[in-house]
Amino acid sequence: AQQDYIATITATRLAGAIPVFAVGTTTAAPAVIPAGAIVNHIFFLQTTAPSALTGGVITVNIAGVDVGTITPTTTGGRIGIAFTNTAAVATVLNNVGTTDATVTFTATAITAITGTLAGTFDIQYTSRNPDGSIIAYGAGLTNN
């Protein structure tokens, strides 16, 4: 799994990219999934919730493909992605490709917010070889 947090949001903002930070760091950098991985799920662990929020729907993109959306709430919690049901999305989720895949997050404009929005993205995947196979290279895994 890969975990990346967002800087707290306390004011309205234009639509656009949401910078993410690896846990324990303060420099923004995109999340990266290893080549060949199969993506199981993506959550937003919303640790701080504003009392009012208009906008801010987050689109998740893996390797250039928009795979779904996450909608922050005024209650917070563990919010799962709503995957887009297309063959293109299924293909990327099944195998992110033969090179490491960048994960980016963009959001619609936040036109009103009262309080603070904060949290961590949890990208759950199973690492595999770049071709998608699982051969026991010391990992004890097999798909046979």
Protein backbone atom coordinates (compact mmCIF):
# COMPACT_ATOMS: atom_id res chain seq x y z
CA ALA A 1 0.00 0.00 0.00
CA GLN A 2 0.98 3.61 -0.49
CA GLN A 3 -0.12 6.41 1.83
CA ASP A 4 0.06 10.11 1.01
CA TYR A 5 -1.52 12.99 2.88
CA ILE A 6 -2.89 16.33 1.71
CA ALA A 7 -2.09 19.70 3.22
CA THR A 8 -5.02 20.97 5.26
CA ILE A 9 -7.61 22.94 3.33
CA THR A 10 -9.28 25.77 5.25
CA ALA A 11 -10.34 28.15 2.48
CA THR A 12 -12.03 28.12 -0.90
CA ARG A 13 -9.82 27.01 -3.77
CA LEU A 14 -9.94 26.77 -7.53
CA ALA A 15 -10.31 23.45 -9.30
CA GLY A 16 -7.01 21.71 -9.96
CA ALA A 17 -4.28 19.44 -8.70
CA ILE A 18 -4.10 18.46 -5.05
CA PRO A 19 -0.48 18.16 -3.94
CA VAL A 20 0.22 15.04 -1.88
CA PHE A 21 3.02 14.30 0.53
CA ALA A 22 4.49 10.95 1.55
CA VAL A 23 3.79 10.37 5.23
CA GLY A 24 6.66 11.83 7.24
CA THR A 25 7.74 14.31 4.56
CA THR A 26 6.97 17.94 3.78
CA THR A 27 7.83 18.01 0.07
CA ALA A 28 5.00 17.37 -2.38
CA ALA A 29 5.55 14.45 -4.75
CA PRO A 30 3.13 12.27 -6.70
CA ALA A 31 2.28 8.83 -5.40
CA VAL A 32 3.89 6.00 -7.38
CA ILE A 33 2.67 2.42 -7.78
CA PRO A 34 5.23 -0.21 -8.87
CA ALA A 35 5.09 -1.63 -12.38
CA GLY A 36 2.82 -4.65 -12.79
CA ALA A 37 0.81 -3.96 -9.63
CA ILE A 38 -2.90 -4.70 -9.42
CA VAL A 39 -4.84 -1.94 -7.62
CA ASN A 40 -7.32 -3.31 -5.10
CA HIS A 41 -8.83 -0.13 -3.68
CA ILE A 42 -8.25 3.53 -2.90
CA PHE A 43 -9.50 5.24 0.25
CA PHE A 44 -9.41 8.77 1.58
CA LEU A 45 -8.97 8.60 5.34
CA GLN A 46 -10.58 11.94 6.09
CA THR A 47 -9.24 12.74 9.55
CA THR A 48 -10.62 16.27 9.81
CA ALA A 49 -14.03 17.28 8.49
CA PRO A 50 -15.38 20.77 7.92
CA SER A 51 -18.87 21.55 9.25
CA ALA A 52 -19.83 22.78 5.77
CA LEU A 53 -18.32 21.95 2.38
CA THR A 54 -19.36 22.76 -1.18
CA GLY A 55 -17.33 21.16 -3.96
CA GLY A 56 -14.01 19.40 -3.64
CA VAL A 57 -14.87 16.13 -5.40
CA ILE A 58 -11.53 14.41 -6.03
CA THR A 59 -10.67 12.63 -9.28
CA VAL A 60 -8.00 9.92 -9.04
CA ASN A 61 -5.76 9.36 -12.07
CA ILE A 62 -3.44 6.38 -12.49
CA ALA A 63 -0.97 6.31 -15.39
CA GLY A 64 -2.95 8.94 -17.30
CA VAL A 65 -6.36 7.32 -16.82
CA ASP A 66 -9.06 8.85 -14.59
CA VAL A 67 -10.14 5.81 -12.58
CA GLY A 68 -12.81 7.27 -10.30
CA THR A 69 -13.83 9.87 -7.75
CA ILE A 70 -13.77 10.38 -3.99
CA THR A 71 -16.20 12.79 -2.35
CA PRO A 72 -15.08 14.32 0.98
CA THR A 73 -17.82 14.78 3.57
CA THR A 74 -18.73 16.90 6.56
CA THR A 75 -18.42 13.85 8.81
CA GLY A 76 -15.04 12.47 7.72
CA GLY A 77 -14.11 8.81 7.97
CA ARG A 78 -12.85 6.16 5.56
CA ILE A 79 -14.20 7.19 2.16
CA GLY A 80 -13.80 4.72 -0.70
CA ILE A 81 -13.34 5.60 -4.32
CA ALA A 82 -16.26 5.23 -6.73
CA PHE A 83 -14.45 3.51 -9.60
CA THR A 84 -15.51 4.36 -13.14
CA ASN A 85 -16.89 1.20 -14.75
CA THR A 86 -15.08 1.04 -18.09
CA ALA A 87 -12.73 -1.43 -19.75
CA ALA A 88 -9.97 1.21 -19.81
CA VAL A 89 -10.17 1.65 -16.03
CA ALA A 90 -10.30 -2.11 -15.45
CA THR A 91 -7.20 -2.53 -17.62
CA VAL A 92 -5.19 0.00 -15.58
CA LEU A 93 -6.40 -1.43 -12.26
CA ASN A 94 -5.56 -4.97 -13.40
CA ASN A 95 -1.98 -4.01 -14.32
CA VAL A 96 -0.66 -0.46 -14.02
CA GLY A 97 1.83 -1.16 -16.80
CA THR A 98 5.40 -2.24 -17.37
CA THR A 99 6.78 0.94 -15.76
CA ASP A 100 5.95 2.49 -12.40
CA ALA A 101 2.65 4.39 -12.52
CA THR A 102 2.12 7.88 -11.15
CA VAL A 103 -1.07 8.55 -9.19
CA THR A 104 -2.40 12.10 -9.19
CA PHE A 105 -5.38 13.76 -7.55
CA THR A 106 -7.39 16.72 -8.82
CA ALA A 107 -10.44 18.33 -7.26
CA THR A 108 -13.35 20.43 -8.33
CA ALA A 109 -13.40 23.94 -6.91
CA ILE A 110 -14.23 24.33 -3.24
CA THR A 111 -16.64 27.24 -3.34
CA ALA A 112 -17.49 27.19 0.37
CA ILE A 113 -15.87 25.63 3.43
CA THR A 114 -16.34 26.12 7.15
CA GLY A 115 -13.61 24.43 9.15
CA THR A 116 -10.77 22.22 8.00
CA LEU A 117 -10.48 19.38 5.49
CA ALA A 118 -7.53 17.02 5.96
CA GLY A 119 -6.66 13.39 5.44
CA THR A 120 -4.54 10.69 3.88
CA PHE A 121 -5.00 8.73 0.67
CA ASP A 122 -4.50 4.98 1.09
CA ILE A 123 -3.78 3.27 -2.24
CA GLN A 124 -4.01 -0.49 -1.79
CA TYR A 125 -2.30 -2.69 -4.36
CA THR A 126 -0.57 -6.03 -4.74
CA SER A 127 2.96 -5.81 -6.09
CA ARG A 128 3.73 -8.09 -9.00
CA ASN A 129 6.33 -8.41 -11.74
CA PRO A 130 6.13 -5.79 -14.52
CA ASP A 131 4.26 -8.25 -16.75
CA GLY A 132 1.66 -8.83 -14.02
CA SER A 133 2.85 -12.31 -13.08
CA ILE A 134 3.68 -13.37 -9.57
CA ILE A 135 6.73 -15.60 -9.56
CA ALA A 136 8.39 -16.32 -6.26
CA TYR A 137 11.50 -14.15 -6.45
CA GLY A 138 12.05 -14.72 -2.74
CA ALA A 139 8.61 -13.32 -1.89
CA GLY A 140 6.92 -16.69 -1.49
CA LEU A 141 4.09 -15.60 -3.80
CA THR A 142 2.67 -17.56 -6.69
CA ASN A 143 -0.32 -17.32 -8.99
CA ASN A 144 -0.32 -21.00 -9.92
